PDB file of all heavy atoms in Angstrom:
ATOM      1  N   TYR A   1    -247.227 120.371 -18.069  1.00  0.00           N
ATOM      2  CA  TYR A   1    -248.339 119.802 -18.835  1.00  0.00           C
ATOM      3  C   TYR A   1    -249.427 120.861 -18.925  1.00  0.00           C
ATOM      4  O   TYR A   1    -249.710 121.564 -17.952  1.00  0.00           O
ATOM      5  CB  TYR A   1    -248.900 118.550 -18.150  1.00  0.00           C
ATOM      6  CG  TYR A   1    -250.237 118.130 -18.714  1.00  0.00           C
ATOM      7  CD1 TYR A   1    -250.312 117.389 -19.897  1.00  0.00           C
ATOM      8  CD2 TYR A   1    -251.427 118.532 -18.109  1.00  0.00           C
ATOM      9  CE1 TYR A   1    -251.545 117.040 -20.438  1.00  0.00           C
ATOM     10  CE2 TYR A   1    -252.662 118.194 -18.645  1.00  0.00           C
ATOM     11  CZ  TYR A   1    -252.707 117.444 -19.817  1.00  0.00           C
ATOM     12  OH  TYR A   1    -253.920 117.110 -20.358  1.00  0.00           O
ATOM     13  N   SER A   2    -250.033 120.996 -20.101  1.00  0.00           N
ATOM     14  CA  SER A   2    -251.171 121.909 -20.227  1.00  0.00           C
ATOM     15  C   SER A   2    -252.129 121.355 -21.273  1.00  0.00           C
ATOM     16  O   SER A   2    -251.705 120.926 -22.360  1.00  0.00           O
ATOM     17  CB  SER A   2    -250.681 123.300 -20.645  1.00  0.00           C
ATOM     18  OG  SER A   2    -251.789 124.148 -20.796  1.00  0.00           O
ATOM     19  N   SER A   3    -253.424 121.343 -20.915  1.00  0.00           N
ATOM     20  CA  SER A   3    -254.403 120.802 -21.874  1.00  0.00           C
ATOM     21  C   SER A   3    -254.751 121.854 -22.919  1.00  0.00           C
ATOM     22  O   SER A   3    -255.284 121.550 -23.980  1.00  0.00           O
ATOM     23  CB  SER A   3    -255.664 120.358 -21.132  1.00  0.00           C
ATOM     24  OG  SER A   3    -256.145 121.429 -20.345  1.00  0.00           O
ATOM     25  N   SER A   4    -254.466 123.131 -22.606  1.00  0.00           N
ATOM     26  CA  SER A   4    -254.750 124.174 -23.608  1.00  0.00           C
ATOM     27  C   SER A   4    -253.617 125.182 -23.619  1.00  0.00           C
ATOM     28  O   SER A   4    -253.030 125.487 -22.583  1.00  0.00           O
ATOM     29  CB  SER A   4    -256.052 124.904 -23.239  1.00  0.00           C
ATOM     30  OG  SER A   4    -255.869 125.527 -21.983  1.00  0.00           O
ATOM     31  N   THR A   5    -253.279 125.661 -24.791  1.00  0.00           N
ATOM     32  CA  THR A   5    -252.223 126.681 -24.887  1.00  0.00           C
ATOM     33  C   THR A   5    -252.852 127.978 -25.359  1.00  0.00           C
ATOM     34  O   THR A   5    -253.704 127.984 -26.252  1.00  0.00           O
ATOM     35  CB  THR A   5    -251.112 126.225 -25.856  1.00  0.00           C
ATOM     36  OG1 THR A   5    -251.726 125.762 -27.054  1.00  0.00           O
ATOM     37  CG2 THR A   5    -250.304 125.089 -25.260  1.00  0.00           C
ATOM     38  N   LYS A   6    -252.409 129.077 -24.744  1.00  0.00           N
ATOM     39  CA  LYS A   6    -253.077 130.361 -24.989  1.00  0.00           C
ATOM     40  C   LYS A   6    -252.708 130.993 -26.329  1.00  0.00           C
ATOM     41  O   LYS A   6    -253.503 131.619 -26.974  1.00  0.00           O
ATOM     42  CB  LYS A   6    -252.712 131.341 -23.865  1.00  0.00           C
ATOM     43  CG  LYS A   6    -253.343 130.977 -22.530  1.00  0.00           C
ATOM     44  CD  LYS A   6    -252.886 131.964 -21.469  1.00  0.00           C
ATOM     45  CE  LYS A   6    -253.212 131.432 -20.082  1.00  0.00           C
ATOM     46  NZ  LYS A   6    -252.451 132.130 -19.046  1.00  0.00           N
ATOM     47  N   SER A   7    -251.417 130.879 -26.691  1.00  0.00           N
ATOM     48  CA  SER A   7    -251.037 131.631 -27.904  1.00  0.00           C
ATOM     49  C   SER A   7    -250.175 130.766 -28.806  1.00  0.00           C
ATOM     50  O   SER A   7    -249.661 129.734 -28.396  1.00  0.00           O
ATOM     51  CB  SER A   7    -250.260 132.884 -27.504  1.00  0.00           C
ATOM     52  OG  SER A   7    -248.940 132.521 -27.162  1.00  0.00           O
ATOM     53  N   ASP A   8    -250.023 131.236 -30.031  1.00  0.00           N
ATOM     54  CA  ASP A   8    -249.182 130.504 -30.979  1.00  0.00           C
ATOM     55  C   ASP A   8    -247.749 131.010 -30.940  1.00  0.00           C
ATOM     56  O   ASP A   8    -246.906 130.537 -31.687  1.00  0.00           O
ATOM     57  CB  ASP A   8    -249.730 130.678 -32.418  1.00  0.00           C
ATOM     58  CG  ASP A   8    -251.128 130.107 -32.532  1.00  0.00           C
ATOM     59  OD1 ASP A   8    -251.420 129.179 -31.762  1.00  0.00           O
ATOM     60  OD2 ASP A   8    -251.915 130.602 -33.364  1.00  0.00           O
ATOM     61  N   LEU A   9    -247.510 132.018 -30.106  1.00  0.00           N
ATOM     62  CA  LEU A   9    -246.171 132.607 -30.079  1.00  0.00           C
ATOM     63  C   LEU A   9    -245.215 131.699 -29.314  1.00  0.00           C
ATOM     64  O   LEU A   9    -245.470 131.332 -28.171  1.00  0.00           O
ATOM     65  CB  LEU A   9    -246.207 133.982 -29.406  1.00  0.00           C
ATOM     66  CG  LEU A   9    -246.913 135.091 -30.207  1.00  0.00           C
ATOM     67  CD1 LEU A   9    -246.971 136.365 -29.387  1.00  0.00           C
ATOM     68  CD2 LEU A   9    -246.167 135.357 -31.513  1.00  0.00           C
ATOM     69  N   SER A  10    -244.105 131.346 -29.970  1.00  0.00           N
ATOM     70  CA  SER A  10    -243.151 130.463 -29.310  1.00  0.00           C
ATOM     71  C   SER A  10    -242.245 131.268 -28.381  1.00  0.00           C
ATOM     72  O   SER A  10    -242.196 132.497 -28.442  1.00  0.00           O
ATOM     73  CB  SER A  10    -242.317 129.739 -30.365  1.00  0.00           C
ATOM     74  OG  SER A  10    -241.588 128.723 -29.727  1.00  0.00           O
ATOM     75  N   THR A  11    -241.522 130.532 -27.527  1.00  0.00           N
ATOM     76  CA  THR A  11    -240.600 131.178 -26.571  1.00  0.00           C
ATOM     77  C   THR A  11    -239.498 131.960 -27.280  1.00  0.00           C
ATOM     78  O   THR A  11    -238.848 132.799 -26.679  1.00  0.00           O
ATOM     79  CB  THR A  11    -239.935 130.097 -25.682  1.00  0.00           C
ATOM     80  OG1 THR A  11    -239.643 128.967 -26.500  1.00  0.00           O
ATOM     81  CG2 THR A  11    -240.843 129.655 -24.555  1.00  0.00           C
ATOM     82  N   TRP A  12    -239.288 131.674 -28.576  1.00  0.00           N
ATOM     83  CA  TRP A  12    -238.196 132.351 -29.323  1.00  0.00           C
ATOM     84  C   TRP A  12    -238.668 133.669 -29.931  1.00  0.00           C
ATOM     85  O   TRP A  12    -237.948 134.284 -30.691  1.00  0.00           O
ATOM     86  CB  TRP A  12    -237.648 131.436 -30.425  1.00  0.00           C
ATOM     87  CG  TRP A  12    -237.727 129.978 -30.078  1.00  0.00           C
ATOM     88  CD1 TRP A  12    -238.499 129.038 -30.675  1.00  0.00           C
ATOM     89  CD2 TRP A  12    -237.030 129.303 -29.024  1.00  0.00           C
ATOM     90  NE1 TRP A  12    -238.344 127.822 -30.072  1.00  0.00           N
ATOM     91  CE2 TRP A  12    -237.440 127.946 -29.053  1.00  0.00           C
ATOM     92  CE3 TRP A  12    -236.102 129.714 -28.065  1.00  0.00           C
ATOM     93  CZ2 TRP A  12    -236.944 127.005 -28.170  1.00  0.00           C
ATOM     94  CZ3 TRP A  12    -235.618 128.769 -27.176  1.00  0.00           C
ATOM     95  CH2 TRP A  12    -236.041 127.429 -27.234  1.00  0.00           C
ATOM     96  N   ASN A  13    -239.908 134.090 -29.598  1.00  0.00           N
ATOM     97  CA  ASN A  13    -240.479 135.302 -30.189  1.00  0.00           C
ATOM     98  C   ASN A  13    -240.435 136.452 -29.175  1.00  0.00           C
ATOM     99  O   ASN A  13    -240.718 136.260 -27.997  1.00  0.00           O
ATOM    100  CB  ASN A  13    -241.938 134.996 -30.582  1.00  0.00           C
ATOM    101  CG  ASN A  13    -242.549 136.095 -31.426  1.00  0.00           C
ATOM    102  OD1 ASN A  13    -242.584 137.254 -31.013  1.00  0.00           O
ATOM    103  ND2 ASN A  13    -243.034 135.727 -32.600  1.00  0.00           N
ATOM    104  N   GLU A  14    -240.095 137.645 -29.667  1.00  0.00           N
ATOM    105  CA  GLU A  14    -240.018 138.841 -28.798  1.00  0.00           C
ATOM    106  C   GLU A  14    -241.330 139.074 -28.040  1.00  0.00           C
ATOM    107  O   GLU A  14    -241.338 139.583 -26.926  1.00  0.00           O
ATOM    108  CB  GLU A  14    -239.703 140.100 -29.636  1.00  0.00           C
ATOM    109  CG  GLU A  14    -238.236 140.244 -30.017  1.00  0.00           C
ATOM    110  CD  GLU A  14    -237.337 140.581 -28.825  1.00  0.00           C
ATOM    111  OE1 GLU A  14    -237.860 140.739 -27.700  1.00  0.00           O
ATOM    112  OE2 GLU A  14    -236.106 140.642 -29.015  1.00  0.00           O
ATOM    113  N   GLN A  15    -242.455 138.750 -28.703  1.00  0.00           N
ATOM    114  CA  GLN A  15    -243.775 139.024 -28.111  1.00  0.00           C
ATOM    115  C   GLN A  15    -244.253 137.930 -27.140  1.00  0.00           C
ATOM    116  O   GLN A  15    -245.350 138.006 -26.615  1.00  0.00           O
ATOM    117  CB  GLN A  15    -244.842 139.172 -29.208  1.00  0.00           C
ATOM    118  CG  GLN A  15    -245.041 140.612 -29.695  1.00  0.00           C
ATOM    119  CD  GLN A  15    -243.850 141.119 -30.470  1.00  0.00           C
ATOM    120  OE1 GLN A  15    -243.454 140.511 -31.456  1.00  0.00           O
ATOM    121  NE2 GLN A  15    -243.266 142.222 -30.019  1.00  0.00           N
ATOM    122  N   TYR A  16    -243.419 136.901 -26.920  1.00  0.00           N
ATOM    123  CA  TYR A  16    -243.826 135.790 -26.036  1.00  0.00           C
ATOM    124  C   TYR A  16    -244.153 136.329 -24.637  1.00  0.00           C
ATOM    125  O   TYR A  16    -243.407 137.119 -24.056  1.00  0.00           O
ATOM    126  CB  TYR A  16    -242.686 134.757 -25.952  1.00  0.00           C
ATOM    127  CG  TYR A  16    -242.877 133.724 -24.864  1.00  0.00           C
ATOM    128  CD1 TYR A  16    -243.808 132.694 -24.997  1.00  0.00           C
ATOM    129  CD2 TYR A  16    -242.141 133.780 -23.671  1.00  0.00           C
ATOM    130  CE1 TYR A  16    -244.000 131.755 -23.993  1.00  0.00           C
ATOM    131  CE2 TYR A  16    -242.319 132.843 -22.659  1.00  0.00           C
ATOM    132  CZ  TYR A  16    -243.253 131.837 -22.825  1.00  0.00           C
ATOM    133  OH  TYR A  16    -243.441 130.910 -21.828  1.00  0.00           O
ATOM    134  N   THR A  17    -245.289 135.882 -24.086  1.00  0.00           N
ATOM    135  CA  THR A  17    -245.691 136.286 -22.732  1.00  0.00           C
ATOM    136  C   THR A  17    -245.055 135.338 -21.720  1.00  0.00           C
ATOM    137  O   THR A  17    -245.229 134.119 -21.828  1.00  0.00           O
ATOM    138  CB  THR A  17    -247.231 136.201 -22.576  1.00  0.00           C
ATOM    139  OG1 THR A  17    -247.817 136.868 -23.674  1.00  0.00           O
ATOM    140  CG2 THR A  17    -247.693 136.803 -21.270  1.00  0.00           C
ATOM    141  N   PRO A  18    -244.324 135.903 -20.729  1.00  0.00           N
ATOM    142  CA  PRO A  18    -243.661 135.039 -19.749  1.00  0.00           C
ATOM    143  C   PRO A  18    -244.607 133.997 -19.150  1.00  0.00           C
ATOM    144  O   PRO A  18    -245.769 134.286 -18.857  1.00  0.00           O
ATOM    145  CB  PRO A  18    -243.187 136.024 -18.668  1.00  0.00           C
ATOM    146  CG  PRO A  18    -242.984 137.312 -19.412  1.00  0.00           C
ATOM    147  CD  PRO A  18    -244.031 137.331 -20.497  1.00  0.00           C
ATOM    148  N   ASN A  19    -244.082 132.775 -19.010  1.00  0.00           N
ATOM    149  CA  ASN A  19    -244.774 131.628 -18.391  1.00  0.00           C
ATOM    150  C   ASN A  19    -245.945 131.049 -19.184  1.00  0.00           C
ATOM    151  O   ASN A  19    -246.623 130.154 -18.709  1.00  0.00           O
ATOM    152  CB  ASN A  19    -245.227 131.954 -16.962  1.00  0.00           C
ATOM    153  CG  ASN A  19    -244.014 131.988 -16.047  1.00  0.00           C
ATOM    154  OD1 ASN A  19    -243.135 131.141 -16.159  1.00  0.00           O
ATOM    155  ND2 ASN A  19    -243.946 132.989 -15.190  1.00  0.00           N
ATOM    156  N   ASP A  20    -246.192 131.536 -20.389  1.00  0.00           N
ATOM    157  CA  ASP A  20    -247.206 130.905 -21.249  1.00  0.00           C
ATOM    158  C   ASP A  20    -246.701 129.530 -21.681  1.00  0.00           C
ATOM    159  O   ASP A  20    -245.561 129.412 -22.143  1.00  0.00           O
ATOM    160  CB  ASP A  20    -247.448 131.755 -22.513  1.00  0.00           C
ATOM    161  CG  ASP A  20    -248.650 132.664 -22.341  1.00  0.00           C
ATOM    162  OD1 ASP A  20    -249.181 132.701 -21.217  1.00  0.00           O
ATOM    163  OD2 ASP A  20    -249.035 133.340 -23.315  1.00  0.00           O
ATOM    164  N   PRO A  21    -247.522 128.464 -21.552  1.00  0.00           N
ATOM    165  CA  PRO A  21    -247.060 127.151 -22.033  1.00  0.00           C
ATOM    166  C   PRO A  21    -247.079 127.074 -23.563  1.00  0.00           C
ATOM    167  O   PRO A  21    -248.053 127.468 -24.191  1.00  0.00           O
ATOM    168  CB  PRO A  21    -248.068 126.170 -21.422  1.00  0.00           C
ATOM    169  CG  PRO A  21    -249.245 126.980 -21.015  1.00  0.00           C
ATOM    170  CD  PRO A  21    -248.851 128.415 -20.914  1.00  0.00           C
ATOM    171  N   VAL A  22    -245.987 126.608 -24.124  1.00  0.00           N
ATOM    172  CA  VAL A  22    -245.883 126.416 -25.579  1.00  0.00           C
ATOM    173  C   VAL A  22    -245.670 124.921 -25.812  1.00  0.00           C
ATOM    174  O   VAL A  22    -244.783 124.332 -25.195  1.00  0.00           O
ATOM    175  CB  VAL A  22    -244.668 127.200 -26.154  1.00  0.00           C
ATOM    176  CG1 VAL A  22    -244.476 126.903 -27.631  1.00  0.00           C
ATOM    177  CG2 VAL A  22    -244.816 128.680 -25.894  1.00  0.00           C
ATOM    178  N   PRO A  23    -246.483 124.258 -26.652  1.00  0.00           N
ATOM    179  CA  PRO A  23    -246.272 122.819 -26.891  1.00  0.00           C
ATOM    180  C   PRO A  23    -244.808 122.542 -27.239  1.00  0.00           C
ATOM    181  O   PRO A  23    -244.215 123.261 -28.055  1.00  0.00           O
ATOM    182  CB  PRO A  23    -247.196 122.509 -28.069  1.00  0.00           C
ATOM    183  CG  PRO A  23    -248.265 123.559 -27.993  1.00  0.00           C
ATOM    184  CD  PRO A  23    -247.597 124.800 -27.461  1.00  0.00           C
ATOM    185  N   ILE A  24    -244.252 121.505 -26.642  1.00  0.00           N
ATOM    186  CA  ILE A  24    -242.820 121.233 -26.820  1.00  0.00           C
ATOM    187  C   ILE A  24    -242.473 120.990 -28.294  1.00  0.00           C
ATOM    188  O   ILE A  24    -241.422 121.406 -28.763  1.00  0.00           O
ATOM    189  CB  ILE A  24    -242.361 120.050 -25.927  1.00  0.00           C
ATOM    190  CG1 ILE A  24    -240.838 119.843 -26.062  1.00  0.00           C
ATOM    191  CG2 ILE A  24    -243.104 118.770 -26.214  1.00  0.00           C
ATOM    192  CD1 ILE A  24    -240.241 118.845 -25.092  1.00  0.00           C
ATOM    193  N   VAL A  25    -243.395 120.371 -29.025  1.00  0.00           N
ATOM    194  CA  VAL A  25    -243.127 120.099 -30.445  1.00  0.00           C
ATOM    195  C   VAL A  25    -243.007 121.415 -31.219  1.00  0.00           C
ATOM    196  O   VAL A  25    -242.094 121.606 -32.032  1.00  0.00           O
ATOM    197  CB  VAL A  25    -244.238 119.206 -31.042  1.00  0.00           C
ATOM    198  CG1 VAL A  25    -244.057 119.016 -32.529  1.00  0.00           C
ATOM    199  CG2 VAL A  25    -244.243 117.844 -30.334  1.00  0.00           C
ATOM    200  N   THR A  26    -243.909 122.365 -30.924  1.00  0.00           N
ATOM    201  CA  THR A  26    -243.859 123.690 -31.571  1.00  0.00           C
ATOM    202  C   THR A  26    -242.547 124.384 -31.245  1.00  0.00           C
ATOM    203  O   THR A  26    -241.850 124.905 -32.130  1.00  0.00           O
ATOM    204  CB  THR A  26    -245.037 124.572 -31.065  1.00  0.00           C
ATOM    205  OG1 THR A  26    -246.244 123.837 -31.199  1.00  0.00           O
ATOM    206  CG2 THR A  26    -245.122 125.878 -31.810  1.00  0.00           C
TER     207      THR A  26
END
């Protein structure tokens, strides 16, 4: 659970930062 997400980059992106929360819907 996270009330705020840091980036718009999804887990499927090369630039994704490890352990950043991505909204499940995104």
